[in-house]
Amino acid sequence: MSSEAADRIVVTGATGNVGTSVVRLLSEDPEVGSVLGLARRTPHWSPPKTDWAAVDLAAGQDDLAELFAGAAAVVHLAWAFQPTHDPAMTWRTNVLGSIRVFEAVAEAKVPTLVHASSVGAYSPGPKERAVDESWPTHGWPDAAYCREKAYLERALDSFERAHPRVRVVRMRPAFLFKRESASEQRRIFGGRFLPGPLVRPELLPFLPDIPGLRVQALHTDDAAAAYVRAVKSDVRGAFNLAADPPVDAALLGELLGARPVRLPRTAARSAVAAAWGLHLLPASPHLFDAVLRLPLMDCTRARTELGWQPDRTAPEVLEEFLHGVQRGEGAATEPMRGRKVG
């Protein structure tokens, strides 16, 4: 990392699942001079070399260029998953807010932008083999999350053509979990009142085995290590990030001691759609459709060009996360706060 890169790194969405891990690693890195964490609500958490600023990307009232001035890199992680019943609201934060970040990076002449894309940006793909970063990124148009991630891929295409001197890195991680994110993710996907203690093997005599439900997982800290490497390395472009092996009903059955039972897609989707329509489940049936179509990712480029590989396997990641859900684990930020229900 150059002497300029050692000065100051700005992280948006710094109090969330990925942000807390990225800020912690940057604050512990002797090559990083200081970190500025941006979030809607500043935390009481005080890692070394880190300052905080309250910023609401959806409101568009903050002078981001002023906050970015003098930074060696901006790591853009801010993202809103809810409300799923109001996609216009998430569009304002995720798409319009991200475009404000890109424009401020150019205005402040920040040399490096590391953007949190996702496996969700990819077009439907195979489940029996892995695809590299050249796979099309048109998302699944019916799911707001995928639609927004794919739109920002196109926005970055235009940004790179207009600002070739900015080094743009697009990280495309699999589903990210850690113990400290358990309560937040339970609230986002399972609902605020889903009792964590119910997630116990003895209460799951069988597990739905849905055709196409084969995805990848990754520990958030392992993803954060890749983000930090991207900040410090002279790389550009997209990087897939995932741990082995892929997660399916057979693997989950072994992990939970539950017997997989085949369930048709239509039956599973109808149940999700009914619960979502009654506002009992925050995760939408459109996201369910997308998950069944996501490709598996080949992470060769991250290994060879970033020198990155995950420290934890997918089963280790899920086991840690499930224990966190049971115990209502969280972290010292508002989005990540722990809460045990039931």
Protein backbone atom coordinates (compact mmCIF):
# COMPACT_ATOMS: atom_id res chain seq x y z
CA MET A 1 0.00 0.00 0.00
CA SER A 2 1.35 3.42 -0.93
CA SER A 3 2.08 6.15 1.64
CA GLU A 4 -1.04 7.96 0.42
CA ALA A 5 -3.11 4.83 1.01
CA ALA A 6 -1.85 4.74 4.60
CA ASP A 7 -3.50 8.07 5.42
CA ARG A 8 -7.27 7.66 5.66
CA ILE A 9 -9.94 5.14 4.66
CA VAL A 10 -13.65 6.00 4.63
CA VAL A 11 -16.22 3.22 5.17
CA THR A 12 -19.93 3.73 4.49
CA GLY A 13 -22.40 1.44 6.24
CA ALA A 14 -19.72 1.06 8.90
CA THR A 15 -22.00 -0.21 11.69
CA GLY A 16 -23.56 -3.14 9.81
CA ASN A 17 -22.64 -6.79 9.36
CA VAL A 18 -19.76 -6.21 6.94
CA GLY A 19 -18.93 -2.69 8.08
CA THR A 20 -18.11 -3.68 11.66
CA SER A 21 -15.69 -6.34 10.43
CA VAL A 22 -14.05 -4.06 7.85
CA VAL A 23 -13.66 -1.19 10.34
CA ARG A 24 -12.15 -3.50 12.94
CA LEU A 25 -9.58 -4.94 10.51
CA LEU A 26 -8.65 -1.53 9.13
CA SER A 27 -8.31 -0.07 12.64
CA GLU A 28 -5.93 -2.89 13.58
CA ASP A 29 -3.82 -2.57 10.40
CA PRO A 30 -0.52 -0.74 11.05
CA GLU A 31 -0.46 0.44 7.42
CA VAL A 32 -3.74 2.35 7.85
CA GLY A 33 -3.45 5.81 9.37
CA SER A 34 -7.10 6.43 10.27
CA VAL A 35 -10.63 5.27 9.52
CA LEU A 36 -13.79 7.36 9.13
CA GLY A 37 -16.95 5.31 9.62
CA LEU A 38 -20.19 6.67 8.15
CA ALA A 39 -23.57 5.44 9.41
CA ARG A 40 -27.06 6.80 10.02
CA ARG A 41 -26.53 6.43 13.77
CA THR A 42 -23.05 6.74 15.25
CA PRO A 43 -22.20 3.97 17.74
CA HIS A 44 -20.65 3.96 21.20
CA TRP A 45 -18.10 1.46 19.83
CA SER A 46 -14.63 3.06 19.67
CA PRO A 47 -12.07 0.96 17.77
CA PRO A 48 -8.53 2.41 17.47
CA LYS A 49 -7.83 5.16 14.92
CA THR A 50 -11.54 5.44 14.07
CA ASP A 51 -13.82 8.49 13.92
CA TRP A 52 -17.55 8.50 13.16
CA ALA A 53 -19.92 10.73 11.20
CA ALA A 54 -23.72 10.47 10.98
CA VAL A 55 -24.78 10.27 7.32
CA ASP A 56 -28.11 9.32 5.72
CA LEU A 57 -27.51 8.44 2.07
CA ALA A 58 -31.25 8.30 1.35
CA ALA A 59 -31.76 11.91 2.46
CA GLY A 60 -29.03 13.24 0.18
CA GLN A 61 -28.37 16.22 2.45
CA ASP A 62 -24.81 15.44 3.53
CA ASP A 63 -21.74 16.79 1.75
CA LEU A 64 -20.10 13.46 0.98
CA ALA A 65 -17.31 15.04 -1.07
CA GLU A 66 -16.24 17.03 1.97
CA LEU A 67 -16.19 13.87 4.08
CA PHE A 68 -14.23 12.01 1.40
CA ALA A 69 -11.66 14.79 0.87
CA GLY A 70 -8.13 13.50 1.39
CA ALA A 71 -9.18 9.87 1.64
CA ALA A 72 -7.06 7.21 -0.03
CA ALA A 73 -10.05 4.90 -0.48
CA VAL A 74 -13.79 4.72 0.06
CA VAL A 75 -15.23 1.31 0.94
CA HIS A 76 -18.93 1.51 0.13
CA LEU A 77 -20.96 -0.97 2.18
CA ALA A 78 -24.15 0.95 3.07
CA TRP A 79 -27.29 -1.01 2.18
CA ALA A 80 -30.93 -1.23 3.30
CA PHE A 81 -32.74 -4.59 3.05
CA GLN A 82 -36.10 -3.39 4.32
CA PRO A 83 -38.89 -2.47 3.91
CA THR A 84 -39.44 -5.17 1.30
CA HIS A 85 -43.02 -3.96 0.83
CA ASP A 86 -41.75 -0.54 -0.29
CA PRO A 87 -39.05 -1.05 -2.95
CA ALA A 88 -39.06 2.68 -3.74
CA MET A 89 -37.63 3.32 -0.28
CA THR A 90 -34.79 0.81 -0.62
CA TRP A 91 -34.12 2.19 -4.12
CA ARG A 92 -33.55 5.66 -2.66
CA THR A 93 -30.99 4.36 -0.18
CA ASN A 94 -29.33 1.62 -2.19
CA VAL A 95 -29.29 2.99 -5.72
CA LEU A 96 -29.60 6.76 -5.46
CA GLY A 97 -27.50 6.79 -2.28
CA SER A 98 -24.80 4.71 -3.95
CA ILE A 99 -24.73 6.98 -6.99
CA ARG A 100 -24.20 9.94 -4.63
CA VAL A 101 -21.24 8.05 -3.15
CA PHE A 102 -19.77 7.42 -6.62
CA GLU A 103 -20.18 11.05 -7.62
CA ALA A 104 -18.58 12.25 -4.37
CA VAL A 105 -15.63 9.91 -4.90
CA ALA A 106 -15.01 11.56 -8.27
CA GLU A 107 -15.54 15.08 -6.93
CA ALA A 108 -13.16 14.52 -4.00
CA LYS A 109 -10.63 12.83 -6.32
CA VAL A 110 -10.46 9.69 -4.18
CA PRO A 111 -8.13 7.29 -6.01
CA THR A 112 -9.84 4.02 -4.94
CA LEU A 113 -13.46 2.91 -4.66
CA VAL A 114 -14.24 -0.55 -3.26
CA HIS A 115 -17.92 -1.31 -3.78
CA ALA A 116 -19.99 -4.05 -2.14
CA SER A 117 -21.74 -5.83 -4.97
CA SER A 118 -23.08 -9.34 -4.39
CA VAL A 119 -23.78 -12.77 -5.80
CA GLY A 120 -27.28 -11.29 -6.10
CA ALA A 121 -26.11 -9.16 -9.01
CA TYR A 122 -25.59 -12.23 -11.17
CA SER A 123 -28.06 -13.44 -13.76
CA PRO A 124 -29.56 -16.91 -13.16
CA GLY A 125 -26.87 -19.54 -13.52
CA PRO A 126 -25.86 -23.14 -12.92
CA LYS A 127 -25.96 -24.99 -9.61
CA GLU A 128 -23.79 -27.90 -10.71
CA ARG A 129 -20.68 -25.87 -11.60
CA ALA A 130 -19.16 -22.54 -10.59
CA VAL A 131 -18.99 -19.41 -12.77
CA ASP A 132 -16.31 -16.72 -12.77
CA GLU A 133 -16.65 -12.94 -12.72
CA SER A 134 -17.46 -12.78 -16.44
CA TRP A 135 -20.94 -14.25 -15.84
CA PRO A 136 -23.64 -11.66 -16.76
CA THR A 137 -24.75 -9.33 -13.96
CA HIS A 138 -28.37 -8.59 -14.84
CA GLY A 139 -29.76 -9.95 -11.57
CA TRP A 140 -33.24 -11.38 -11.13
CA PRO A 141 -35.54 -8.49 -12.09
CA ASP A 142 -38.45 -9.45 -9.84
CA ALA A 143 -36.37 -9.15 -6.63
CA ALA A 144 -35.58 -5.61 -5.46
CA TYR A 145 -32.26 -6.65 -3.89
CA CYS A 146 -30.99 -8.23 -7.12
CA ARG A 147 -32.43 -5.48 -9.31
CA GLU A 148 -30.63 -2.82 -7.26
CA LYS A 149 -27.30 -4.68 -7.18
CA ALA A 150 -27.44 -5.23 -10.95
CA TYR A 151 -28.36 -1.60 -11.64
CA LEU A 152 -25.31 -0.44 -9.69
CA GLU A 153 -23.10 -2.72 -11.76
CA ARG A 154 -24.24 -0.75 -14.82
CA ALA A 155 -23.78 2.54 -12.96
CA LEU A 156 -20.20 1.53 -12.17
CA ASP A 157 -19.61 0.62 -15.83
CA SER A 158 -20.46 4.22 -16.73
CA PHE A 159 -18.50 5.60 -13.78
CA GLU A 160 -15.33 3.77 -14.81
CA ARG A 161 -15.57 5.06 -18.37
CA ALA A 162 -16.03 8.63 -17.12
CA HIS A 163 -13.36 8.39 -14.39
CA PRO A 164 -10.62 6.02 -15.57
CA ARG A 165 -8.18 7.27 -12.94
CA VAL A 166 -10.32 5.91 -10.11
CA ARG A 167 -9.43 2.32 -9.28
CA VAL A 168 -12.79 0.57 -8.91
CA VAL A 169 -13.08 -2.83 -7.21
CA ARG A 170 -16.37 -4.72 -7.08
CA MET A 171 -16.64 -7.37 -4.39
CA ARG A 172 -19.27 -10.07 -5.04
CA PRO A 173 -19.58 -12.12 -1.85
CA ALA A 174 -21.87 -15.03 -1.11
CA PHE A 175 -24.30 -14.88 1.83
CA LEU A 176 -22.39 -13.44 4.80
CA PHE A 177 -22.78 -14.59 8.39
CA LYS A 178 -21.07 -14.18 11.75
CA ARG A 179 -22.11 -14.67 15.35
CA GLU A 180 -22.46 -10.93 15.97
CA SER A 181 -24.85 -10.50 13.02
CA ALA A 182 -27.26 -13.19 14.22
CA SER A 183 -29.88 -10.91 15.80
CA GLU A 184 -29.76 -8.39 12.96
CA GLN A 185 -30.21 -11.04 10.27
CA ARG A 186 -32.95 -12.78 12.23
CA ARG A 187 -34.83 -9.46 12.31
CA ILE A 188 -34.18 -8.76 8.60
CA PHE A 189 -35.14 -12.15 7.19
CA GLY A 190 -37.10 -14.01 9.87
CA GLY A 191 -38.92 -11.17 11.56
CA ARG A 192 -38.51 -9.19 14.74
CA PHE A 193 -40.43 -11.70 16.87
CA LEU A 194 -39.03 -15.02 15.59
CA PRO A 195 -37.77 -16.81 18.74
CA GLY A 196 -34.08 -17.64 18.31
CA PRO A 197 -34.23 -20.59 20.75
CA LEU A 198 -36.53 -22.38 18.29
CA VAL A 199 -33.53 -22.83 15.98
CA ARG A 200 -32.51 -26.08 17.65
CA PRO A 201 -31.89 -29.48 16.04
CA GLU A 202 -34.27 -31.33 18.37
CA LEU A 203 -37.15 -29.11 17.18
CA LEU A 204 -36.47 -29.81 13.48
CA PRO A 205 -37.42 -33.44 12.74
CA PHE A 206 -37.19 -32.76 9.00
CA LEU A 207 -35.83 -30.09 6.68
CA PRO A 208 -37.48 -28.90 3.43
CA ASP A 209 -35.40 -29.96 0.42
CA ILE A 210 -36.42 -27.47 -2.28
CA PRO A 211 -35.17 -27.92 -5.88
CA GLY A 212 -32.58 -25.24 -6.69
CA LEU A 213 -31.86 -24.37 -3.06
CA ARG A 214 -28.07 -24.68 -3.30
CA VAL A 215 -26.12 -21.57 -2.34
CA GLN A 216 -22.77 -20.44 -0.95
CA ALA A 217 -21.92 -18.92 2.42
CA LEU A 218 -18.96 -17.01 3.85
CA HIS A 219 -17.90 -15.71 7.24
CA THR A 220 -18.20 -11.92 7.34
CA ASP A 221 -14.68 -11.58 8.77
CA ASP A 222 -13.29 -13.55 5.82
CA ALA A 223 -15.11 -11.23 3.42
CA ALA A 224 -13.76 -8.22 5.33
CA ALA A 225 -10.22 -9.53 4.94
CA ALA A 226 -10.76 -9.54 1.17
CA TYR A 227 -12.05 -5.94 1.27
CA VAL A 228 -8.94 -4.83 3.15
CA ARG A 229 -6.71 -6.63 0.66
CA ALA A 230 -8.56 -4.86 -2.16
CA VAL A 231 -7.90 -1.49 -0.51
CA LYS A 232 -4.20 -2.25 -0.14
CA SER A 233 -3.57 -4.02 -3.47
CA ASP A 234 -3.28 -2.57 -6.95
CA VAL A 235 -6.23 -4.52 -8.38
CA ARG A 236 -9.34 -3.58 -10.33
CA GLY A 237 -12.56 -5.24 -11.35
CA ALA A 238 -14.77 -7.87 -9.77
CA PHE A 239 -13.95 -10.58 -7.24
CA ASN A 240 -16.14 -13.52 -6.23
CA LEU A 241 -15.95 -14.44 -2.53
CA ALA A 242 -17.31 -17.68 -1.07
CA ALA A 243 -16.37 -20.61 1.15
CA ASP A 244 -16.67 -24.31 0.39
CA PRO A 245 -18.69 -26.45 0.23
CA PRO A 246 -21.96 -25.17 -1.30
CA VAL A 247 -24.88 -25.27 1.12
CA ASP A 248 -27.87 -27.48 0.31
CA ALA A 249 -30.48 -29.45 2.22
CA ALA A 250 -28.15 -32.43 2.68
CA LEU A 251 -25.46 -30.28 4.32
CA LEU A 252 -28.00 -28.45 6.50
CA GLY A 253 -29.54 -31.79 7.44
CA GLU A 254 -26.17 -33.03 8.68
CA LEU A 255 -25.56 -29.79 10.55
CA LEU A 256 -28.95 -29.78 12.25
CA GLY A 257 -29.46 -33.52 12.57
CA ALA A 258 -32.64 -33.25 10.50
CA ARG A 259 -33.88 -35.44 7.65
CA PRO A 260 -34.27 -33.64 4.28
CA VAL A 261 -37.76 -34.05 2.82
CA ARG A 262 -38.43 -33.04 -0.78
CA LEU A 263 -40.76 -30.04 -1.07
CA PRO A 264 -41.92 -28.65 -4.44
CA ARG A 265 -40.87 -25.10 -5.27
CA THR A 266 -44.47 -24.00 -5.72
CA ALA A 267 -45.49 -25.19 -2.25
CA ALA A 268 -42.50 -23.51 -0.58
CA ARG A 269 -43.03 -20.27 -2.49
CA SER A 270 -46.74 -20.21 -1.68
CA ALA A 271 -45.94 -20.47 2.02
CA VAL A 272 -43.36 -17.67 1.83
CA ALA A 273 -45.71 -15.48 -0.24
CA ALA A 274 -48.58 -15.97 2.20
CA ALA A 275 -46.44 -15.08 5.22
CA TRP A 276 -44.95 -12.07 3.43
CA GLY A 277 -48.36 -10.86 2.28
CA LEU A 278 -49.61 -10.99 5.88
CA HIS A 279 -46.50 -9.08 7.04
CA LEU A 280 -45.46 -12.09 9.13
CA LEU A 281 -42.19 -12.60 7.24
CA PRO A 282 -39.89 -9.76 6.08
CA ALA A 283 -38.19 -11.86 3.37
CA SER A 284 -40.17 -11.57 0.14
CA PRO A 285 -41.14 -14.42 -2.21
CA HIS A 286 -39.30 -12.49 -4.95
CA LEU A 287 -36.02 -12.90 -3.06
CA PHE A 288 -36.87 -16.56 -2.56
CA ASP A 289 -37.25 -16.90 -6.35
CA ALA A 290 -33.88 -15.22 -6.86
CA VAL A 291 -32.03 -17.44 -4.39
CA LEU A 292 -33.19 -20.54 -6.26
CA ARG A 293 -31.62 -19.14 -9.44
CA LEU A 294 -28.28 -17.77 -8.17
CA PRO A 295 -25.21 -19.37 -9.73
CA LEU A 296 -22.39 -20.90 -7.74
CA MET A 297 -19.26 -18.71 -7.86
CA ASP A 298 -15.68 -19.60 -8.76
CA CYS A 299 -13.29 -17.67 -6.46
CA THR A 300 -10.04 -18.38 -8.34
CA ARG A 301 -9.39 -14.70 -9.10
CA ALA A 302 -9.58 -13.69 -5.44
CA ARG A 303 -7.09 -16.43 -4.56
CA THR A 304 -4.61 -15.64 -7.32
CA GLU A 305 -4.77 -11.83 -7.52
CA LEU A 306 -5.69 -10.88 -3.94
CA GLY A 307 -3.93 -13.78 -2.27
CA TRP A 308 -7.16 -14.40 -0.35
CA GLN A 309 -8.83 -17.52 0.90
CA PRO A 310 -11.40 -17.99 3.66
CA ASP A 311 -10.30 -19.28 7.05
CA ARG A 312 -13.63 -20.98 7.77
CA THR A 313 -15.67 -23.54 5.85
CA ALA A 314 -19.35 -22.99 5.12
CA PRO A 315 -20.49 -25.50 7.80
CA GLU A 316 -18.32 -23.72 10.39
CA VAL A 317 -19.84 -20.39 9.37
CA LEU A 318 -23.42 -21.64 9.67
CA GLU A 319 -22.80 -23.43 12.96
CA GLU A 320 -21.40 -20.22 14.50
CA PHE A 321 -24.30 -18.18 13.13
CA LEU A 322 -27.00 -20.58 14.36
CA HIS A 323 -25.51 -20.56 17.85
CA GLY A 324 -25.62 -16.77 17.67
CA VAL A 325 -29.31 -16.83 16.71
CA GLN A 326 -30.15 -19.13 19.61
CA ARG A 327 -28.39 -16.84 22.09
CA GLY A 328 -29.51 -13.50 20.67
CA GLU A 329 -25.93 -12.43 19.89
CA GLY A 330 -25.16 -8.95 18.59
CA ALA A 331 -22.57 -6.17 18.52
CA ALA A 332 -22.19 -2.68 19.95
CA THR A 333 -23.92 -0.84 17.10
CA GLU A 334 -27.59 -0.06 16.60
CA PRO A 335 -28.15 -2.27 13.52
CA MET A 336 -26.28 -5.19 15.13
CA ARG A 337 -27.66 -5.01 18.65
CA GLY A 338 -28.42 -8.36 20.24
CA ARG A 339 -31.89 -9.39 21.23
CA LYS A 340 -33.08 -12.73 22.48
CA VAL A 341 -36.72 -13.51 21.69
CA GLY A 342 -38.49 -16.41 23.36
